[in-house]
Structure formats: structure tokens, C-alpha cells
Amino acid sequence: MISGLIILDKQTGPTSFDCVEQVKKIFGVKKAGHTGTLDPKVTGVLLILLGEARKLAPLFDKLNKTYLGVMHLHKEVEKEKLEEVLKKFRGEIIQIPPVRSRVKRVARKRTIYKLEIKKIEGRDITMFIECEHGTYIRKLFYDIGEELGCGAHMKYLRRTAVDGFKEEESVDLERLKKEREKCLIRNAEIISKLKISKISLKKEEEKKVENGVPIILKKTDKFIQGEKIAIFVENTLRAIGIVEKNKIKIDRVLKID
């Protein structure tokens, strides 16, 4: 049974759904899904979960993202003015999703951790952005243009990382076809990359996990209430649980061959 993660280097053109379908064909699996949609014209890191690893998708929901984008200004603006305006968009901002977004268009808070100018070529401003999940970069550039009083739009965008999953590890579809197994990140490594707390159980406890029986914690177990825990049985990821008082409640069970 194939289960794991592909860090795909999405190219311009196909939708995120198209990419998932192509990866499914390469691996010959029936089920796969992506975390964090990229628009057709946007390139870069697209995380695709195969098989049972799809059950790990909620662990990816709140990961920070980094981007390299080009903001095209509709009029010339002095660098000093641009720098001054960018200060207003660092830290916590209020953003209303764009009209074509799939979420409700209400004002919401998002945090921009880094917003740096990398290059200026005429009215094209290349920028590095590190931000909270759910931030719309196209709308961020539009709002900066409005604040500048000249207008702006997104000319180019590439996602360079999703938290600890970076473009240096990504593979395009052509390489994936040639080095299929080498490119697959297994479930245990996914958990390590996400820095999820782990608990290891003995083989005789496996049936209880499969049947959803909560795991009673020992006094020596130092977990946080509400924390998500990866449950292993003999080095194999078998479930994801959530800490509730003195136990781990089974949330999702992963099947094995």
C-alpha cells in the first residue's frame, strides 16, 4: 500500500487538482489530495498526500507559507515611499479575501512575518513574503497598491515553502515519473517534519488503537491538552490522537497492508 507525501514543484498552467490527478496516475493509486491550493498561474511547492497519508491533512491546515512574488505597480513610485507603506503591511493585518476566493468574504486577521523587497526593475517589485496560512498574496499586492495610491497587481508568484517543506526538496512531474519511490516521503518522516509529538505502543495494544479505544496516559507523559499526537506501533504510524485530560482520544486510524 502506497502512503506518503510528494513535495511537487508545480509548474504554471495546470490546476492543483490536475496535478493531483497526474500524481495519482504516476503512482497508480486511487486516492490522493493536496493541501493548500495554488492557482493555475502560480508555481512552486504543492504538497500532495497519497493513500492513507490523506488522513494527515488536518496537520497541514495551519502551516505558514513563504512566497517570492512580483508586484507590478501601475505608476512609478519612489523607493522611500514604497518602503514606508510596506511597514503598514508587516505584522498583523486585516484582509478581505478576493471576490473569486472559495471562502466567505469577511474581514479577518492575518500575520505577515516578513515582507522584503528583493529587487526593483522599473515598476516590477520582486518581494519575499513569509505569512500566516490563509493569506492571499494577490490581495496583499492589491491592497499595497491602494495604499500607495497608484494601484498594483500580482504579476508573478511562486510558493517557496510550506513551513518545513521547501522548494529544494520538491520534484517536478518529469523527475517524479523517473524516480517515483525516491521522491515519496513516508508517513513517519512526515510526522518528524511536522514536529508532531509521538507515542510508541507495544504490538498487543494495536487492536485497541484500531478500535478507537483511548490511550490512558502515564504520569510521566508530558503532553499538552488539545495537542495532536502521532501514535506508532513498532515504528509504524497507526493513528493520530488528541490529548483530552489524562488520555489520548483516537481521532484518525491509518490502515496498513
Protein backbone atom coordinates (compact mmCIF):
# COMPACT_ATOMS: atom_id res chain seq x y z
CA MET A 1 0.00 0.00 0.00
CA ILE A 2 1.45 3.34 -1.09
CA SER A 3 1.14 6.03 1.56
CA GLY A 4 3.15 9.22 1.89
CA LEU A 5 3.81 12.74 0.67
CA ILE A 6 5.08 14.26 -2.55
CA ILE A 7 6.53 17.78 -2.47
CA LEU A 8 5.62 18.72 -6.02
CA ASP A 9 7.18 21.64 -7.86
CA LYS A 10 4.03 22.80 -9.60
CA GLN A 11 4.53 24.50 -12.95
CA THR A 12 2.42 27.29 -14.42
CA GLY A 13 -0.71 26.14 -16.25
CA PRO A 14 -2.37 23.18 -14.54
CA THR A 15 -4.72 23.49 -11.59
CA SER A 16 -3.82 21.92 -8.25
CA PHE A 17 -6.48 19.27 -8.97
CA ASP A 18 -4.83 18.50 -12.34
CA CYS A 19 -1.52 17.96 -10.54
CA VAL A 20 -3.10 15.55 -8.06
CA GLU A 21 -4.61 13.53 -10.93
CA GLN A 22 -1.23 13.26 -12.66
CA VAL A 23 0.50 12.14 -9.44
CA LYS A 24 -2.23 9.54 -8.90
CA LYS A 25 -1.53 8.09 -12.36
CA ILE A 26 2.23 8.01 -11.78
CA PHE A 27 1.83 6.03 -8.54
CA GLY A 28 -1.20 4.03 -9.65
CA VAL A 29 -3.24 4.99 -6.59
CA LYS A 30 -6.96 5.68 -6.39
CA LYS A 31 -6.86 8.30 -3.64
CA ALA A 32 -4.73 11.42 -3.22
CA GLY A 33 -5.25 15.03 -2.26
CA HIS A 34 -3.38 18.32 -1.97
CA THR A 35 -3.02 20.67 0.97
CA GLY A 36 -3.13 24.37 0.15
CA THR A 37 -4.38 25.21 -3.35
CA LEU A 38 -2.19 27.05 -5.86
CA ASP A 39 -3.82 28.99 -8.70
CA PRO A 40 -3.05 27.72 -12.24
CA LYS A 41 -0.56 30.54 -12.94
CA VAL A 42 1.22 30.18 -9.59
CA THR A 43 4.22 27.84 -9.32
CA GLY A 44 6.10 26.16 -6.50
CA VAL A 45 5.54 23.91 -3.53
CA LEU A 46 2.34 21.87 -3.69
CA LEU A 47 2.01 19.15 -1.07
CA ILE A 48 0.21 16.02 -2.26
CA LEU A 49 -0.77 13.24 0.15
CA LEU A 50 -1.18 9.71 -1.21
CA GLY A 51 -3.27 6.84 0.13
CA GLU A 52 -3.74 6.65 3.89
CA ALA A 53 -1.50 9.71 4.35
CA ARG A 54 -4.52 11.78 3.26
CA LYS A 55 -5.76 11.31 6.83
CA LEU A 56 -2.87 13.52 7.95
CA ALA A 57 -4.26 16.51 6.00
CA PRO A 58 -5.58 18.37 9.11
CA LEU A 59 -2.00 18.52 10.41
CA PHE A 60 -1.13 20.79 7.48
CA ASP A 61 -4.02 23.27 7.89
CA LYS A 62 -2.22 26.00 9.83
CA LEU A 63 1.29 25.88 8.42
CA ASN A 64 2.98 29.16 7.50
CA LYS A 65 3.81 29.81 3.84
CA THR A 66 6.64 31.64 2.07
CA TYR A 67 6.48 33.18 -1.40
CA LEU A 68 8.58 35.00 -3.95
CA GLY A 69 6.38 37.31 -5.98
CA VAL A 70 6.47 40.20 -8.40
CA MET A 71 4.15 43.12 -7.70
CA HIS A 72 3.60 45.36 -10.72
CA LEU A 73 2.88 48.99 -9.84
CA HIS A 74 0.57 50.91 -12.17
CA LYS A 75 2.65 54.08 -11.76
CA GLU A 76 6.21 54.91 -10.77
CA VAL A 77 6.74 55.18 -7.01
CA GLU A 78 9.83 56.30 -5.14
CA LYS A 79 11.52 53.55 -3.16
CA GLU A 80 11.32 55.56 0.06
CA LYS A 81 7.52 55.82 -0.23
CA LEU A 82 7.23 52.11 -1.05
CA GLU A 83 9.33 51.17 1.98
CA GLU A 84 7.21 53.40 4.20
CA VAL A 85 3.96 51.83 3.01
CA LEU A 86 5.28 48.27 3.38
CA LYS A 87 5.77 48.89 7.10
CA LYS A 88 1.97 49.05 7.42
CA PHE A 89 1.66 45.55 5.98
CA ARG A 90 4.10 43.83 8.32
CA GLY A 91 2.76 42.14 11.42
CA GLU A 92 -0.96 41.67 11.93
CA ILE A 93 -3.14 42.94 9.08
CA ILE A 94 -6.84 42.87 8.23
CA GLN A 95 -7.56 41.20 4.90
CA ILE A 96 -10.79 40.58 2.99
CA PRO A 97 -10.47 37.56 0.63
CA PRO A 98 -10.75 38.34 -3.10
CA VAL A 99 -14.06 38.01 -4.96
CA ARG A 100 -13.08 34.72 -6.62
CA SER A 101 -11.98 33.03 -3.40
CA ARG A 102 -13.81 29.96 -2.06
CA VAL A 103 -14.13 31.35 1.46
CA LYS A 104 -16.61 33.81 2.91
CA ARG A 105 -15.63 37.41 2.10
CA VAL A 106 -15.39 38.82 5.60
CA ALA A 107 -12.56 40.80 7.18
CA ARG A 108 -10.09 38.56 9.01
CA LYS A 109 -6.77 38.95 10.75
CA ARG A 110 -3.62 37.51 9.23
CA THR A 111 0.04 37.92 10.18
CA ILE A 112 2.78 38.88 7.72
CA TYR A 113 6.04 37.81 9.33
CA LYS A 114 8.35 39.06 6.57
CA LEU A 115 7.76 41.41 3.64
CA GLU A 116 11.03 42.29 1.95
CA ILE A 117 11.99 43.94 -1.33
CA LYS A 118 14.45 41.75 -3.22
CA LYS A 119 14.68 43.65 -6.49
CA ILE A 120 13.21 46.69 -8.25
CA GLU A 121 13.04 46.76 -12.05
CA GLY A 122 11.04 49.76 -13.16
CA ARG A 123 7.52 49.19 -11.85
CA ASP A 124 8.15 45.49 -11.12
CA ILE A 125 8.90 44.89 -7.44
CA THR A 126 10.21 41.42 -6.55
CA MET A 127 9.27 40.61 -2.96
CA PHE A 128 9.83 37.87 -0.40
CA ILE A 129 6.83 37.13 1.82
CA GLU A 130 6.53 34.87 4.85
CA CYS A 131 2.98 34.77 6.14
CA GLU A 132 0.31 33.01 8.12
CA HIS A 133 -1.81 30.35 6.42
CA GLY A 134 -4.81 31.70 4.55
CA THR A 135 -3.12 34.92 3.41
CA TYR A 136 -4.00 35.94 -0.15
CA ILE A 137 -0.88 37.36 -1.81
CA ARG A 138 -2.79 38.66 -4.83
CA LYS A 139 -4.99 40.68 -2.46
CA LEU A 140 -1.96 41.76 -0.41
CA PHE A 141 -0.36 43.29 -3.51
CA TYR A 142 -3.65 44.93 -4.49
CA ASP A 143 -4.01 46.47 -1.02
CA ILE A 144 -0.43 47.76 -1.08
CA GLY A 145 -1.17 49.41 -4.43
CA GLU A 146 -4.26 51.06 -2.99
CA GLU A 147 -2.28 52.37 -0.01
CA LEU A 148 0.37 53.73 -2.38
CA GLY A 149 -2.36 55.47 -4.37
CA CYS A 150 -1.14 54.11 -7.68
CA GLY A 151 -2.68 50.66 -7.92
CA ALA A 152 -0.85 47.33 -8.26
CA HIS A 153 -1.41 43.73 -9.29
CA MET A 154 0.37 40.41 -8.94
CA LYS A 155 2.49 39.69 -12.00
CA TYR A 156 4.18 36.50 -10.78
CA LEU A 157 4.08 34.26 -7.73
CA ARG A 158 5.99 31.22 -6.57
CA ARG A 159 5.47 29.40 -3.28
CA THR A 160 8.92 28.54 -1.97
CA ALA A 161 7.95 26.71 1.22
CA VAL A 162 5.13 25.39 3.35
CA ASP A 163 6.62 25.52 6.84
CA GLY A 164 9.47 22.94 6.80
CA PHE A 165 8.64 21.61 3.32
CA LYS A 166 10.85 23.61 0.97
CA GLU A 167 11.34 24.00 -2.77
CA GLU A 168 14.84 22.49 -2.53
CA GLU A 169 13.14 19.15 -1.79
CA SER A 170 10.46 19.48 -4.45
CA VAL A 171 10.29 17.46 -7.67
CA ASP A 172 8.59 18.17 -10.97
CA LEU A 173 6.38 15.65 -12.75
CA GLU A 174 9.10 14.54 -15.17
CA ARG A 175 11.50 13.64 -12.38
CA LEU A 176 8.66 12.01 -10.45
CA LYS A 177 7.99 9.66 -13.36
CA LYS A 178 11.64 8.52 -13.35
CA GLU A 179 12.35 8.39 -9.61
CA ARG A 180 8.93 7.61 -8.19
CA GLU A 181 9.84 5.79 -4.96
CA LYS A 182 12.82 8.04 -4.17
CA CYS A 183 10.53 11.06 -4.15
CA LEU A 184 7.96 9.66 -1.72
CA ILE A 185 8.22 10.92 1.87
CA ARG A 186 6.95 8.17 4.17
CA ASN A 187 4.46 8.72 6.97
CA ALA A 188 6.99 8.58 9.81
CA GLU A 189 9.15 11.24 8.13
CA ILE A 190 6.08 13.43 7.57
CA ILE A 191 5.44 13.38 11.32
CA SER A 192 9.08 14.30 12.02
CA LYS A 193 8.97 17.21 9.57
CA LEU A 194 5.76 18.49 11.14
CA LYS A 195 7.35 18.20 14.60
CA ILE A 196 4.31 16.33 15.92
CA SER A 197 4.70 14.69 19.34
CA LYS A 198 4.85 10.90 19.24
CA ILE A 199 3.92 7.98 21.46
CA SER A 200 5.03 4.38 20.86
CA LEU A 201 2.90 1.39 21.82
CA LYS A 202 3.51 -2.33 22.02
CA LYS A 203 2.15 -4.70 19.36
CA GLU A 204 -0.50 -6.10 21.72
CA GLU A 205 -2.05 -2.62 22.00
CA GLU A 206 -2.57 -2.25 18.25
CA LYS A 207 -6.09 -3.71 18.20
CA LYS A 208 -7.24 -1.19 20.79
CA VAL A 209 -5.97 1.63 18.60
CA GLU A 210 -7.72 0.19 15.54
CA ASN A 211 -10.96 0.01 17.51
CA GLY A 212 -10.66 3.59 18.73
CA VAL A 213 -10.02 2.80 22.38
CA PRO A 214 -8.45 5.86 24.11
CA ILE A 215 -4.87 5.55 25.35
CA ILE A 216 -4.52 6.22 29.08
CA LEU A 217 -1.54 8.46 29.75
CA LYS A 218 1.10 7.80 32.38
CA LYS A 219 2.14 10.46 34.87
CA THR A 220 5.48 10.64 33.07
CA ASP A 221 3.83 11.60 29.75
CA LYS A 222 4.21 15.35 29.26
CA PHE A 223 1.67 16.33 26.62
CA ILE A 224 -0.42 19.50 26.31
CA GLN A 225 -4.21 19.47 26.45
CA GLY A 226 -5.64 19.50 22.92
CA GLU A 227 -2.29 18.55 21.40
CA LYS A 228 -2.30 16.21 18.39
CA ILE A 229 -0.25 13.06 18.93
CA ALA A 230 1.17 10.60 16.39
CA ILE A 231 0.59 7.05 17.61
CA PHE A 232 3.15 4.47 16.49
CA VAL A 233 3.13 0.69 16.88
CA GLU A 234 6.56 -0.85 16.26
CA ASN A 235 7.80 2.11 14.17
CA THR A 236 4.63 2.21 12.03
CA LEU A 237 2.29 5.20 12.20
CA ARG A 238 -1.12 3.78 13.09
CA ALA A 239 -3.19 6.74 14.22
CA ILE A 240 -3.47 10.40 15.13
CA GLY A 241 -4.92 11.22 18.53
CA ILE A 242 -5.80 14.28 20.59
CA VAL A 243 -4.91 14.75 24.24
CA GLU A 244 -8.01 15.05 26.45
CA LYS A 245 -7.35 15.20 30.19
CA ASN A 246 -5.47 12.00 31.15
CA LYS A 247 -5.90 10.18 27.85
CA ILE A 248 -5.31 10.34 24.10
CA LYS A 249 -8.56 10.13 22.17
CA ILE A 250 -8.16 8.37 18.81
CA ASP A 251 -9.02 10.76 16.00
CA ARG A 252 -7.90 9.04 12.80
CA VAL A 253 -6.69 5.48 12.24
CA LEU A 254 -4.36 4.69 9.35
CA LYS A 255 -4.75 1.32 7.65
CA ILE A 256 -1.76 -0.86 6.79
CA ASP A 257 -1.32 -3.84 4.47
